[in-house]
Amino acid sequence: MILRTRNENGILIAEILLKEASLAQADQLKEEMIILIDSEPKNLLVDFTMVEYVDSSFLGAMVSSLKYAVARHTDISVINLEKDIYDLFTLIRLDKVFKIYADKAEATAELNKK
C-alpha cells in the first residue's frame, strides 16, 4: 500500500507514503484511489507530506483518479505540497485542476464551509 487513510470529520485523508512518487507506483496509486473513491467520500484530501519528488506518470495517475472521482461526485484536493512540487503543479497547470491547500487545517476549514 502506498496510501494510509483516515477519516476526520467526514473528510477522507489519504497520505502518500512515498518519498519518490514515480512511474513505478503510478498504477498502484490509481488502484488504491479507485478503491477509496468507490467508498463514496464527498471530499478526499491527498496528503503529500512525505513526498519529495514526483514525476509526470504519478501526476497522470492523480489526474486519472480525479476523472474517476468527478464521475462519482467526489472532490479531490491536495495538501502539504513541498515548494518544488507546488511549483510543478502550477507550471503544468494542475493548480487549475486540483484544489490545493497549504495543510489539513486550511483544507478542512474551507471544506466545512460548504
PDB file of N, CA and C in Angstrom:
ATOM      1  N   MET A   1       0.834  -1.191   0.000  1.00  0.00           N
ATOM      2  CA  MET A   1       0.000   0.000   0.000  1.00  0.00           C
ATOM      3  C   MET A   1       0.875   1.250   0.000  1.00  0.00           C
ATOM      4  N   ILE A   2       0.473   2.199  -0.801  1.00  0.00           N
ATOM      5  CA  ILE A   2       1.211   3.455  -0.808  1.00  0.00           C
ATOM      6  C   ILE A   2       0.398   4.589  -0.204  1.00  0.00           C
ATOM      7  N   LEU A   3      -0.851   4.288   0.182  1.00  0.00           N
ATOM      8  CA  LEU A   3      -1.696   5.297   0.817  1.00  0.00           C
ATOM      9  C   LEU A   3      -2.110   4.820   2.211  1.00  0.00           C
ATOM     10  N   ARG A   4      -1.988   5.713   3.184  1.00  0.00           N
ATOM     11  CA  ARG A   4      -2.516   5.463   4.527  1.00  0.00           C
ATOM     12  C   ARG A   4      -3.698   6.406   4.688  1.00  0.00           C
ATOM     13  N   THR A   5      -4.851   5.859   5.053  1.00  0.00           N
ATOM     14  CA  THR A   5      -6.052   6.684   5.106  1.00  0.00           C
ATOM     15  C   THR A   5      -6.590   6.818   6.523  1.00  0.00           C
ATOM     16  N   ARG A   6      -7.297   7.906   6.709  1.00  0.00           N
ATOM     17  CA  ARG A   6      -8.040   8.146   7.945  1.00  0.00           C
ATOM     18  C   ARG A   6      -9.194   9.079   7.611  1.00  0.00           C
ATOM     19  N   ASN A   7     -10.246   8.980   8.399  1.00  0.00           N
ATOM     20  CA  ASN A   7     -11.413   9.823   8.198  1.00  0.00           C
ATOM     21  C   ASN A   7     -11.476  10.812   9.349  1.00  0.00           C
ATOM     22  N   GLU A   8     -11.527  12.099   9.015  1.00  0.00           N
ATOM     23  CA  GLU A   8     -11.608  13.139  10.028  1.00  0.00           C
ATOM     24  C   GLU A   8     -12.766  14.062   9.697  1.00  0.00           C
ATOM     25  N   ASN A   9     -13.771  14.033  10.551  1.00  0.00           N
ATOM     26  CA  ASN A   9     -14.946  14.901  10.398  1.00  0.00           C
ATOM     27  C   ASN A   9     -15.579  14.789   9.014  1.00  0.00           C
ATOM     28  N   GLY A  10     -15.702  13.573   8.514  1.00  0.00           N
ATOM     29  CA  GLY A  10     -16.350  13.357   7.232  1.00  0.00           C
ATOM     30  C   GLY A  10     -15.468  13.606   6.021  1.00  0.00           C
ATOM     31  N   ILE A  11     -14.195  13.891   6.259  1.00  0.00           N
ATOM     32  CA  ILE A  11     -13.251  14.100   5.148  1.00  0.00           C
ATOM     33  C   ILE A  11     -12.257  12.946   5.155  1.00  0.00           C
ATOM     34  N   LEU A  12     -12.131  12.259   4.031  1.00  0.00           N
ATOM     35  CA  LEU A  12     -11.195  11.157   3.904  1.00  0.00           C
ATOM     36  C   LEU A  12      -9.825  11.720   3.534  1.00  0.00           C
ATOM     37  N   ILE A  13      -8.824  11.400   4.339  1.00  0.00           N
ATOM     38  CA  ILE A  13      -7.453  11.870   4.094  1.00  0.00           C
ATOM     39  C   ILE A  13      -6.605  10.666   3.706  1.00  0.00           C
ATOM     40  N   ALA A  14      -5.935  10.770   2.554  1.00  0.00           N
ATOM     41  CA  ALA A  14      -5.065   9.709   2.053  1.00  0.00           C
ATOM     42  C   ALA A  14      -3.638  10.250   2.005  1.00  0.00           C
ATOM     43  N   GLU A  15      -2.810   9.756   2.896  1.00  0.00           N
ATOM     44  CA  GLU A  15      -1.409  10.204   2.953  1.00  0.00           C
ATOM     45  C   GLU A  15      -0.566   9.309   2.059  1.00  0.00           C
ATOM     46  N   ILE A  16       0.192   9.924   1.162  1.00  0.00           N
ATOM     47  CA  ILE A  16       1.096   9.177   0.277  1.00  0.00           C
ATOM     48  C   ILE A  16       2.330   8.797   1.089  1.00  0.00           C
ATOM     49  N   LEU A  17       2.631   7.515   1.143  1.00  0.00           N
ATOM     50  CA  LEU A  17       3.733   7.011   1.970  1.00  0.00           C
ATOM     51  C   LEU A  17       5.006   6.787   1.155  1.00  0.00           C
ATOM     52  N   LEU A  18       5.323   7.728   0.299  1.00  0.00           N
ATOM     53  CA  LEU A  18       6.495   7.618  -0.575  1.00  0.00           C
ATOM     54  C   LEU A  18       7.317   8.897  -0.507  1.00  0.00           C
ATOM     55  N   LYS A  19       8.649   8.755  -0.597  1.00  0.00           N
ATOM     56  CA  LYS A  19       9.483   9.941  -0.774  1.00  0.00           C
ATOM     57  C   LYS A  19       9.555  10.294  -2.252  1.00  0.00           C
ATOM     58  N   GLU A  20       9.630   9.248  -3.087  1.00  0.00           N
ATOM     59  CA  GLU A  20       9.696   9.448  -4.531  1.00  0.00           C
ATOM     60  C   GLU A  20       8.476   8.795  -5.172  1.00  0.00           C
ATOM     61  N   ALA A  21       7.609   9.614  -5.728  1.00  0.00           N
ATOM     62  CA  ALA A  21       6.383   9.140  -6.361  1.00  0.00           C
ATOM     63  C   ALA A  21       6.605   9.155  -7.871  1.00  0.00           C
ATOM     64  N   SER A  22       6.730   7.966  -8.443  1.00  0.00           N
ATOM     65  CA  SER A  22       7.114   7.903  -9.853  1.00  0.00           C
ATOM     66  C   SER A  22       6.318   6.839 -10.604  1.00  0.00           C
ATOM     67  N   LEU A  23       6.732   6.591 -11.835  1.00  0.00           N
ATOM     68  CA  LEU A  23       6.098   5.618 -12.712  1.00  0.00           C
ATOM     69  C   LEU A  23       5.924   4.264 -12.020  1.00  0.00           C
ATOM     70  N   ALA A  24       6.897   3.867 -11.231  1.00  0.00           N
ATOM     71  CA  ALA A  24       6.856   2.560 -10.576  1.00  0.00           C
ATOM     72  C   ALA A  24       5.628   2.404  -9.676  1.00  0.00           C
ATOM     73  N   GLN A  25       5.099   3.502  -9.142  1.00  0.00           N
ATOM     74  CA  GLN A  25       3.954   3.439  -8.231  1.00  0.00           C
ATOM     75  C   GLN A  25       2.672   4.003  -8.830  1.00  0.00           C
ATOM     76  N   ALA A  26       2.705   4.487 -10.046  1.00  0.00           N
ATOM     77  CA  ALA A  26       1.549   5.164 -10.641  1.00  0.00           C
ATOM     78  C   ALA A  26       0.330   4.245 -10.742  1.00  0.00           C
ATOM     79  N   ASP A  27       0.518   3.020 -11.215  1.00  0.00           N
ATOM     80  CA  ASP A  27      -0.619   2.103 -11.344  1.00  0.00           C
ATOM     81  C   ASP A  27      -1.194   1.742  -9.981  1.00  0.00           C
ATOM     82  N   GLN A  28      -0.315   1.534  -9.014  1.00  0.00           N
ATOM     83  CA  GLN A  28      -0.781   1.204  -7.672  1.00  0.00           C
ATOM     84  C   GLN A  28      -1.566   2.372  -7.071  1.00  0.00           C
ATOM     85  N   LEU A  29      -1.112   3.600  -7.319  1.00  0.00           N
ATOM     86  CA  LEU A  29      -1.847   4.769  -6.839  1.00  0.00           C
ATOM     87  C   LEU A  29      -3.258   4.771  -7.423  1.00  0.00           C
ATOM     88  N   LYS A  30      -3.375   4.571  -8.732  1.00  0.00           N
ATOM     89  CA  LYS A  30      -4.700   4.563  -9.366  1.00  0.00           C
ATOM     90  C   LYS A  30      -5.600   3.500  -8.746  1.00  0.00           C
ATOM     91  N   GLU A  31      -5.062   2.305  -8.547  1.00  0.00           N
ATOM     92  CA  GLU A  31      -5.853   1.221  -7.964  1.00  0.00           C
ATOM     93  C   GLU A  31      -6.341   1.589  -6.558  1.00  0.00           C
ATOM     94  N   GLU A  32      -5.450   2.112  -5.734  1.00  0.00           N
ATOM     95  CA  GLU A  32      -5.820   2.463  -4.366  1.00  0.00           C
ATOM     96  C   GLU A  32      -6.790   3.644  -4.334  1.00  0.00           C
ATOM     97  N   MET A  33      -6.600   4.596  -5.222  1.00  0.00           N
ATOM     98  CA  MET A  33      -7.508   5.741  -5.276  1.00  0.00           C
ATOM     99  C   MET A  33      -8.911   5.296  -5.714  1.00  0.00           C
ATOM    100  N   ILE A  34      -9.009   4.390  -6.669  1.00  0.00           N
ATOM    101  CA  ILE A  34     -10.313   3.904  -7.120  1.00  0.00           C
ATOM    102  C   ILE A  34     -11.054   3.232  -5.964  1.00  0.00           C
ATOM    103  N   ILE A  35     -10.337   2.430  -5.185  1.00  0.00           N
ATOM    104  CA  ILE A  35     -10.960   1.780  -4.021  1.00  0.00           C
ATOM    105  C   ILE A  35     -11.496   2.840  -3.057  1.00  0.00           C
ATOM    106  N   LEU A  36     -10.701   3.877  -2.810  1.00  0.00           N
ATOM    107  CA  LEU A  36     -11.139   4.944  -1.903  1.00  0.00           C
ATOM    108  C   LEU A  36     -12.345   5.687  -2.466  1.00  0.00           C
ATOM    109  N   ILE A  37     -12.297   6.013  -3.727  1.00  0.00           N
ATOM    110  CA  ILE A  37     -13.389   6.764  -4.360  1.00  0.00           C
ATOM    111  C   ILE A  37     -14.666   5.928  -4.380  1.00  0.00           C
ATOM    112  N   ASP A  38     -14.525   4.623  -4.560  1.00  0.00           N
ATOM    113  CA  ASP A  38     -15.693   3.748  -4.556  1.00  0.00           C
ATOM    114  C   ASP A  38     -16.382   3.690  -3.193  1.00  0.00           C
ATOM    115  N   SER A  39     -15.688   4.116  -2.132  1.00  0.00           N
ATOM    116  CA  SER A  39     -16.326   4.176  -0.809  1.00  0.00           C
ATOM    117  C   SER A  39     -17.190   5.435  -0.676  1.00  0.00           C
ATOM    118  N   GLU A  40     -17.242   6.222  -1.750  1.00  0.00           N
ATOM    119  CA  GLU A  40     -18.109   7.391  -1.905  1.00  0.00           C
ATOM    120  C   GLU A  40     -17.902   8.512  -0.891  1.00  0.00           C
ATOM    121  N   PRO A  41     -16.643   8.912  -0.658  1.00  0.00           N
ATOM    122  CA  PRO A  41     -16.464  10.092   0.193  1.00  0.00           C
ATOM    123  C   PRO A  41     -16.869  11.342  -0.586  1.00  0.00           C
ATOM    124  N   LYS A  42     -17.354  12.341   0.112  1.00  0.00           N
ATOM    125  CA  LYS A  42     -17.675  13.602  -0.559  1.00  0.00           C
ATOM    126  C   LYS A  42     -16.380  14.354  -0.866  1.00  0.00           C
ATOM    127  N   ASN A  43     -15.453  14.330   0.097  1.00  0.00           N
ATOM    128  CA  ASN A  43     -14.170  15.017  -0.050  1.00  0.00           C
ATOM    129  C   ASN A  43     -13.032  14.061   0.259  1.00  0.00           C
ATOM    130  N   LEU A  44     -12.023  14.090  -0.602  1.00  0.00           N
ATOM    131  CA  LEU A  44     -10.829  13.278  -0.430  1.00  0.00           C
ATOM    132  C   LEU A  44      -9.623  14.207  -0.489  1.00  0.00           C
ATOM    133  N   LEU A  45      -8.837  14.219   0.581  1.00  0.00           N
ATOM    134  CA  LEU A  45      -7.608  15.004   0.615  1.00  0.00           C
ATOM    135  C   LEU A  45      -6.434  14.067   0.396  1.00  0.00           C
ATOM    136  N   VAL A  46      -5.582  14.393  -0.565  1.00  0.00           N
ATOM    137  CA  VAL A  46      -4.368  13.616  -0.798  1.00  0.00           C
ATOM    138  C   VAL A  46      -3.219  14.405  -0.188  1.00  0.00           C
ATOM    139  N   ASP A  47      -2.594  13.792   0.814  1.00  0.00           N
ATOM    140  CA  ASP A  47      -1.560  14.440   1.614  1.00  0.00           C
ATOM    141  C   ASP A  47      -0.175  14.083   1.080  1.00  0.00           C
ATOM    142  N   PHE A  48       0.554  15.087   0.617  1.00  0.00           N
ATOM    143  CA  PHE A  48       1.887  14.911   0.029  1.00  0.00           C
ATOM    144  C   PHE A  48       3.016  15.177   1.034  1.00  0.00           C
ATOM    145  N   THR A  49       2.752  15.150   2.331  1.00  0.00           N
ATOM    146  CA  THR A  49       3.758  15.497   3.338  1.00  0.00           C
ATOM    147  C   THR A  49       5.084  14.774   3.132  1.00  0.00           C
ATOM    148  N   MET A  50       5.037  13.478   2.866  1.00  0.00           N
ATOM    149  CA  MET A  50       6.264  12.679   2.767  1.00  0.00           C
ATOM    150  C   MET A  50       6.942  12.776   1.402  1.00  0.00           C
ATOM    151  N   VAL A  51       6.220  13.268   0.402  1.00  0.00           N
ATOM    152  CA  VAL A  51       6.709  13.232  -0.981  1.00  0.00           C
ATOM    153  C   VAL A  51       7.730  14.353  -1.222  1.00  0.00           C
ATOM    154  N   GLU A  52       8.916  13.942  -1.672  1.00  0.00           N
ATOM    155  CA  GLU A  52       9.971  14.902  -2.003  1.00  0.00           C
ATOM    156  C   GLU A  52      10.170  15.034  -3.510  1.00  0.00           C
ATOM    157  N   TYR A  53       9.721  14.032  -4.257  1.00  0.00           N
ATOM    158  CA  TYR A  53       9.876  14.027  -5.714  1.00  0.00           C
ATOM    159  C   TYR A  53       8.637  13.386  -6.327  1.00  0.00           C
ATOM    160  N   VAL A  54       8.160  13.954  -7.405  1.00  0.00           N
ATOM    161  CA  VAL A  54       7.039  13.368  -8.137  1.00  0.00           C
ATOM    162  C   VAL A  54       7.309  13.515  -9.630  1.00  0.00           C
ATOM    163  N   ASP A  55       6.973  12.473 -10.393  1.00  0.00           N
ATOM    164  CA  ASP A  55       7.176  12.569 -11.845  1.00  0.00           C
ATOM    165  C   ASP A  55       5.840  12.645 -12.570  1.00  0.00           C
ATOM    166  N   SER A  56       5.915  12.839 -13.875  1.00  0.00           N
ATOM    167  CA  SER A  56       4.707  13.069 -14.667  1.00  0.00           C
ATOM    168  C   SER A  56       3.781  11.858 -14.694  1.00  0.00           C
ATOM    169  N   SER A  57       4.318  10.659 -14.630  1.00  0.00           N
ATOM    170  CA  SER A  57       3.479   9.456 -14.629  1.00  0.00           C
ATOM    171  C   SER A  57       2.612   9.399 -13.382  1.00  0.00           C
ATOM    172  N   PHE A  58       3.195   9.733 -12.249  1.00  0.00           N
ATOM    173  CA  PHE A  58       2.449   9.733 -10.992  1.00  0.00           C
ATOM    174  C   PHE A  58       1.379  10.817 -11.026  1.00  0.00           C
ATOM    175  N   LEU A  59       1.732  11.980 -11.553  1.00  0.00           N
ATOM    176  CA  LEU A  59       0.735  13.054 -11.676  1.00  0.00           C
ATOM    177  C   LEU A  59      -0.371  12.660 -12.643  1.00  0.00           C
ATOM    178  N   GLY A  60      -0.013  11.927 -13.690  1.00  0.00           N
ATOM    179  CA  GLY A  60      -1.022  11.422 -14.618  1.00  0.00           C
ATOM    180  C   GLY A  60      -1.995  10.489 -13.914  1.00  0.00           C
ATOM    181  N   ALA A  61      -1.483   9.678 -13.004  1.00  0.00           N
ATOM    182  CA  ALA A  61      -2.347   8.789 -12.221  1.00  0.00           C
ATOM    183  C   ALA A  61      -3.263   9.600 -11.317  1.00  0.00           C
ATOM    184  N   MET A  62      -2.762  10.712 -10.791  1.00  0.00           N
ATOM    185  CA  MET A  62      -3.601  11.597  -9.973  1.00  0.00           C
ATOM    186  C   MET A  62      -4.740  12.166 -10.823  1.00  0.00           C
ATOM    187  N   VAL A  63      -4.429  12.601 -12.034  1.00  0.00           N
ATOM    188  CA  VAL A  63      -5.447  13.168 -12.928  1.00  0.00           C
ATOM    189  C   VAL A  63      -6.471  12.097 -13.309  1.00  0.00           C
ATOM    190  N   SER A  64      -6.014  10.888 -13.597  1.00  0.00           N
ATOM    191  CA  SER A  64      -6.940   9.790 -13.896  1.00  0.00           C
ATOM    192  C   SER A  64      -7.875   9.540 -12.723  1.00  0.00           C
ATOM    193  N   SER A  65      -7.319   9.572 -11.528  1.00  0.00           N
ATOM    194  CA  SER A  65      -8.121   9.373 -10.320  1.00  0.00           C
ATOM    195  C   SER A  65      -9.155  10.482 -10.177  1.00  0.00           C
ATOM    196  N   LEU A  66      -8.760  11.686 -10.515  1.00  0.00           N
ATOM    197  CA  LEU A  66      -9.694  12.812 -10.427  1.00  0.00           C
ATOM    198  C   LEU A  66     -10.850  12.635 -11.412  1.00  0.00           C
ATOM    199  N   LYS A  67     -10.548  12.211 -12.620  1.00  0.00           N
ATOM    200  CA  LYS A  67     -11.606  11.973 -13.608  1.00  0.00           C
ATOM    201  C   LYS A  67     -12.589  10.931 -13.094  1.00  0.00           C
ATOM    202  N   TYR A  68     -12.067   9.875 -12.496  1.00  0.00           N
ATOM    203  CA  TYR A  68     -12.911   8.830 -11.928  1.00  0.00           C
ATOM    204  C   TYR A  68     -13.754   9.399 -10.785  1.00  0.00           C
ATOM    205  N   ALA A  69     -13.137  10.231  -9.958  1.00  0.00           N
ATOM    206  CA  ALA A  69     -13.823  10.820  -8.803  1.00  0.00           C
ATOM    207  C   ALA A  69     -14.945  11.758  -9.212  1.00  0.00           C
ATOM    208  N   VAL A  70     -14.699  12.581 -10.206  1.00  0.00           N
ATOM    209  CA  VAL A  70     -15.698  13.557 -10.649  1.00  0.00           C
ATOM    210  C   VAL A  70     -16.975  12.841 -11.086  1.00  0.00           C
ATOM    211  N   ALA A  71     -16.820  11.730 -11.779  1.00  0.00           N
ATOM    212  CA  ALA A  71     -17.979  10.969 -12.234  1.00  0.00           C
ATOM    213  C   ALA A  71     -18.769  10.384 -11.065  1.00  0.00           C
ATOM    214  N   ARG A  72     -18.117  10.291  -9.902  1.00  0.00           N
ATOM    215  CA  ARG A  72     -18.768   9.728  -8.718  1.00  0.00           C
ATOM    216  C   ARG A  72     -19.034  10.782  -7.643  1.00  0.00           C
ATOM    217  N   HIS A  73     -18.967  12.035  -8.045  1.00  0.00           N
ATOM    218  CA  HIS A  73     -19.296  13.174  -7.176  1.00  0.00           C
ATOM    219  C   HIS A  73     -18.396  13.274  -5.941  1.00  0.00           C
ATOM    220  N   THR A  74     -17.124  12.959  -6.122  1.00  0.00           N
ATOM    221  CA  THR A  74     -16.126  13.097  -5.063  1.00  0.00           C
ATOM    222  C   THR A  74     -15.153  14.193  -5.466  1.00  0.00           C
ATOM    223  N   ASP A  75     -14.887  15.118  -4.537  1.00  0.00           N
ATOM    224  CA  ASP A  75     -13.890  16.165  -4.772  1.00  0.00           C
ATOM    225  C   ASP A  75     -12.541  15.696  -4.239  1.00  0.00           C
ATOM    226  N   ILE A  76     -11.497  15.870  -5.032  1.00  0.00           N
ATOM    227  CA  ILE A  76     -10.135  15.548  -4.598  1.00  0.00           C
ATOM    228  C   ILE A  76      -9.361  16.847  -4.480  1.00  0.00           C
ATOM    229  N   SER A  77      -8.739  17.033  -3.328  1.00  0.00           N
ATOM    230  CA  SER A  77      -7.864  18.180  -3.089  1.00  0.00           C
ATOM    231  C   SER A  77      -6.514  17.646  -2.643  1.00  0.00           C
ATOM    232  N   VAL A  78      -5.484  18.465  -2.781  1.00  0.00           N
ATOM    233  CA  VAL A  78      -4.155  18.061  -2.321  1.00  0.00           C
ATOM    234  C   VAL A  78      -3.684  19.025  -1.242  1.00  0.00           C
ATOM    235  N   ILE A  79      -2.906  18.483  -0.312  1.00  0.00           N
ATOM    236  CA  ILE A  79      -2.378  19.282   0.795  1.00  0.00           C
ATOM    237  C   ILE A  79      -0.903  18.971   1.004  1.00  0.00           C
ATOM    238  N   ASN A  80      -0.243  19.895   1.662  1.00  0.00           N
ATOM    239  CA  ASN A  80       1.148  19.726   2.098  1.00  0.00           C
ATOM    240  C   ASN A  80       2.125  19.463   0.949  1.00  0.00           C
ATOM    241  N   LEU A  81       2.016  20.267  -0.101  1.00  0.00           N
ATOM    242  CA  LEU A  81       2.962  20.145  -1.213  1.00  0.00           C
ATOM    243  C   LEU A  81       4.256  20.865  -0.861  1.00  0.00           C
ATOM    244  N   GLU A  82       5.375  20.179  -1.045  1.00  0.00           N
ATOM    245  CA  GLU A  82       6.679  20.814  -0.921  1.00  0.00           C
ATOM    246  C   GLU A  82       6.778  21.893  -2.008  1.00  0.00           C
ATOM    247  N   LYS A  83       7.570  22.922  -1.778  1.00  0.00           N
ATOM    248  CA  LYS A  83       7.628  24.055  -2.703  1.00  0.00           C
ATOM    249  C   LYS A  83       7.906  23.626  -4.145  1.00  0.00           C
ATOM    250  N   ASP A  84       8.883  22.745  -4.350  1.00  0.00           N
ATOM    251  CA  ASP A  84       9.208  22.310  -5.717  1.00  0.00           C
ATOM    252  C   ASP A  84       8.034  21.582  -6.371  1.00  0.00           C
ATOM    253  N   ILE A  85       7.314  20.799  -5.591  1.00  0.00           N
ATOM    254  CA  ILE A  85       6.165  20.069  -6.134  1.00  0.00           C
ATOM    255  C   ILE A  85       5.013  21.035  -6.394  1.00  0.00           C
ATOM    256  N   TYR A  86       4.828  21.994  -5.506  1.00  0.00           N
ATOM    257  CA  TYR A  86       3.810  23.030  -5.742  1.00  0.00           C
ATOM    258  C   TYR A  86       4.135  23.790  -7.033  1.00  0.00           C
ATOM    259  N   ASP A  87       5.397  24.154  -7.211  1.00  0.00           N
ATOM    260  CA  ASP A  87       5.809  24.857  -8.429  1.00  0.00           C
ATOM    261  C   ASP A  87       5.532  24.016  -9.677  1.00  0.00           C
ATOM    262  N   LEU A  88       5.766  22.708  -9.586  1.00  0.00           N
ATOM    263  CA  LEU A  88       5.475  21.810 -10.704  1.00  0.00           C
ATOM    264  C   LEU A  88       3.972  21.785 -10.994  1.00  0.00           C
ATOM    265  N   PHE A  89       3.155  21.693  -9.938  1.00  0.00           N
ATOM    266  CA  PHE A  89       1.696  21.724 -10.117  1.00  0.00           C
ATOM    267  C   PHE A  89       1.276  22.990 -10.859  1.00  0.00           C
ATOM    268  N   THR A  90       1.838  24.132 -10.475  1.00  0.00           N
ATOM    269  CA  THR A  90       1.442  25.381 -11.132  1.00  0.00           C
ATOM    270  C   THR A  90       2.015  25.468 -12.547  1.00  0.00           C
ATOM    271  N   LEU A  91       3.225  24.984 -12.745  1.00  0.00           N
ATOM    272  CA  LEU A  91       3.851  25.018 -14.068  1.00  0.00           C
ATOM    273  C   LEU A  91       3.028  24.242 -15.095  1.00  0.00           C
ATOM    274  N   ILE A  92       2.543  23.079 -14.700  1.00  0.00           N
ATOM    275  CA  ILE A  92       1.777  22.271 -15.650  1.00  0.00           C
ATOM    276  C   ILE A  92       0.267  22.459 -15.453  1.00  0.00           C
ATOM    277  N   ARG A  93      -0.080  23.489 -14.710  1.00  0.00           N
ATOM    278  CA  ARG A  93      -1.451  23.971 -14.525  1.00  0.00           C
ATOM    279  C   ARG A  93      -2.375  23.001 -13.789  1.00  0.00           C
ATOM    280  N   LEU A  94      -1.781  22.119 -12.996  1.00  0.00           N
ATOM    281  CA  LEU A  94      -2.611  21.241 -12.181  1.00  0.00           C
ATOM    282  C   LEU A  94      -3.274  22.004 -11.036  1.00  0.00           C
ATOM    283  N   ASP A  95      -2.789  23.214 -10.772  1.00  0.00           N
ATOM    284  CA  ASP A  95      -3.454  24.047  -9.757  1.00  0.00           C
ATOM    285  C   ASP A  95      -4.824  24.509 -10.253  1.00  0.00           C
ATOM    286  N   LYS A  96      -5.070  24.388 -11.547  1.00  0.00           N
ATOM    287  CA  LYS A  96      -6.384  24.717 -12.113  1.00  0.00           C
ATOM    288  C   LYS A  96      -7.310  23.501 -12.071  1.00  0.00           C
ATOM    289  N   VAL A  97      -6.740  22.324 -11.841  1.00  0.00           N
ATOM    290  CA  VAL A  97      -7.482  21.076 -11.852  1.00  0.00           C
ATOM    291  C   VAL A  97      -7.785  20.596 -10.428  1.00  0.00           C
ATOM    292  N   PHE A  98      -6.776  20.680  -9.563  1.00  0.00           N
ATOM    293  CA  PHE A  98      -6.914  20.261  -8.171  1.00  0.00           C
ATOM    294  C   PHE A  98      -7.011  21.482  -7.266  1.00  0.00           C
ATOM    295  N   LYS A  99      -7.828  21.376  -6.234  1.00  0.00           N
ATOM    296  CA  LYS A  99      -7.798  22.389  -5.177  1.00  0.00           C
ATOM    297  C   LYS A  99      -6.561  22.080  -4.349  1.00  0.00           C
ATOM    298  N   ILE A 100      -5.739  23.112  -4.123  1.00  0.00           N
ATOM    299  CA  ILE A 100      -4.504  22.936  -3.371  1.00  0.00           C
ATOM    300  C   ILE A 100      -4.601  23.762  -2.092  1.00  0.00           C
ATOM    301  N   TYR A 101      -4.356  23.096  -0.970  1.00  0.00           N
ATOM    302  CA  TYR A 101      -4.360  23.765   0.330  1.00  0.00           C
ATOM    303  C   TYR A 101      -2.994  23.588   0.974  1.00  0.00           C
ATOM    304  N   ALA A 102      -2.610  24.564   1.767  1.00  0.00           N
ATOM    305  CA  ALA A 102      -1.311  24.505   2.427  1.00  0.00           C
ATOM    306  C   ALA A 102      -1.225  23.308   3.369  1.00  0.00           C
ATOM    307  N   ASP A 103      -2.302  23.062   4.120  1.00  0.00           N
ATOM    308  CA  ASP A 103      -2.277  21.981   5.098  1.00  0.00           C
ATOM    309  C   ASP A 103      -3.697  21.510   5.398  1.00  0.00           C
ATOM    310  N   LYS A 104      -3.776  20.526   6.279  1.00  0.00           N
ATOM    311  CA  LYS A 104      -5.078  19.931   6.617  1.00  0.00           C
ATOM    312  C   LYS A 104      -6.002  20.952   7.264  1.00  0.00           C
ATOM    313  N   ALA A 105      -5.469  21.793   8.124  1.00  0.00           N
ATOM    314  CA  ALA A 105      -6.300  22.773   8.822  1.00  0.00           C
ATOM    315  C   ALA A 105      -6.980  23.725   7.828  1.00  0.00           C
ATOM    316  N   GLU A 106      -6.210  24.232   6.861  1.00  0.00           N
ATOM    317  CA  GLU A 106      -6.781  25.124   5.855  1.00  0.00           C
ATOM    318  C   GLU A 106      -7.833  24.391   5.019  1.00  0.00           C
ATOM    319  N   ALA A 107      -7.528  23.173   4.624  1.00  0.00           N
ATOM    320  CA  ALA A 107      -8.454  22.401   3.794  1.00  0.00           C
ATOM    321  C   ALA A 107      -9.756  22.110   4.540  1.00  0.00           C
ATOM    322  N   THR A 108      -9.654  21.634   5.760  1.00  0.00           N
ATOM    323  CA  THR A 108     -10.877  21.284   6.494  1.00  0.00           C
ATOM    324  C   THR A 108     -11.705  22.526   6.802  1.00  0.00           C
ATOM    325  N   ALA A 109     -11.060  23.635   7.110  1.00  0.00           N
ATOM    326  CA  ALA A 109     -11.808  24.867   7.349  1.00  0.00           C
ATOM    327  C   ALA A 109     -12.588  25.269   6.104  1.00  0.00           C
ATOM    328  N   GLU A 110     -11.950  25.190   4.951  1.00  0.00           N
ATOM    329  CA  GLU A 110     -12.591  25.570   3.682  1.00  0.00           C
ATOM    330  C   GLU A 110     -13.693  24.583   3.303  1.00  0.00           C
ATOM    331  N   LEU A 111     -13.406  23.293   3.439  1.00  0.00           N
ATOM    332  CA  LEU A 111     -14.372  22.281   3.033  1.00  0.00           C
ATOM    333  C   LEU A 111     -15.590  22.249   3.973  1.00  0.00           C
ATOM    334  N   ASN A 112     -15.391  22.574   5.223  1.00  0.00           N
ATOM    335  CA  ASN A 112     -16.507  22.591   6.173  1.00  0.00           C
ATOM    336  C   ASN A 112     -17.435  23.794   5.957  1.00  0.00           C
ATOM    337  N   LYS A 113     -16.984  24.796   5.196  1.00  0.00           N
ATOM    338  CA  LYS A 113     -17.836  25.944   4.863  1.00  0.00           C
ATOM    339  C   LYS A 113     -18.921  25.557   3.867  1.00  0.00           C
ATOM    340  N   LYS A 114     -18.655  24.511   3.088  1.00  0.00           N
ATOM    341  CA  LYS A 114     -19.562  24.115   2.007  1.00  0.00           C
ATOM    342  C   LYS A 114     -20.748  23.355   2.531  1.00  0.00           C
TER     343      LYS A 114
END
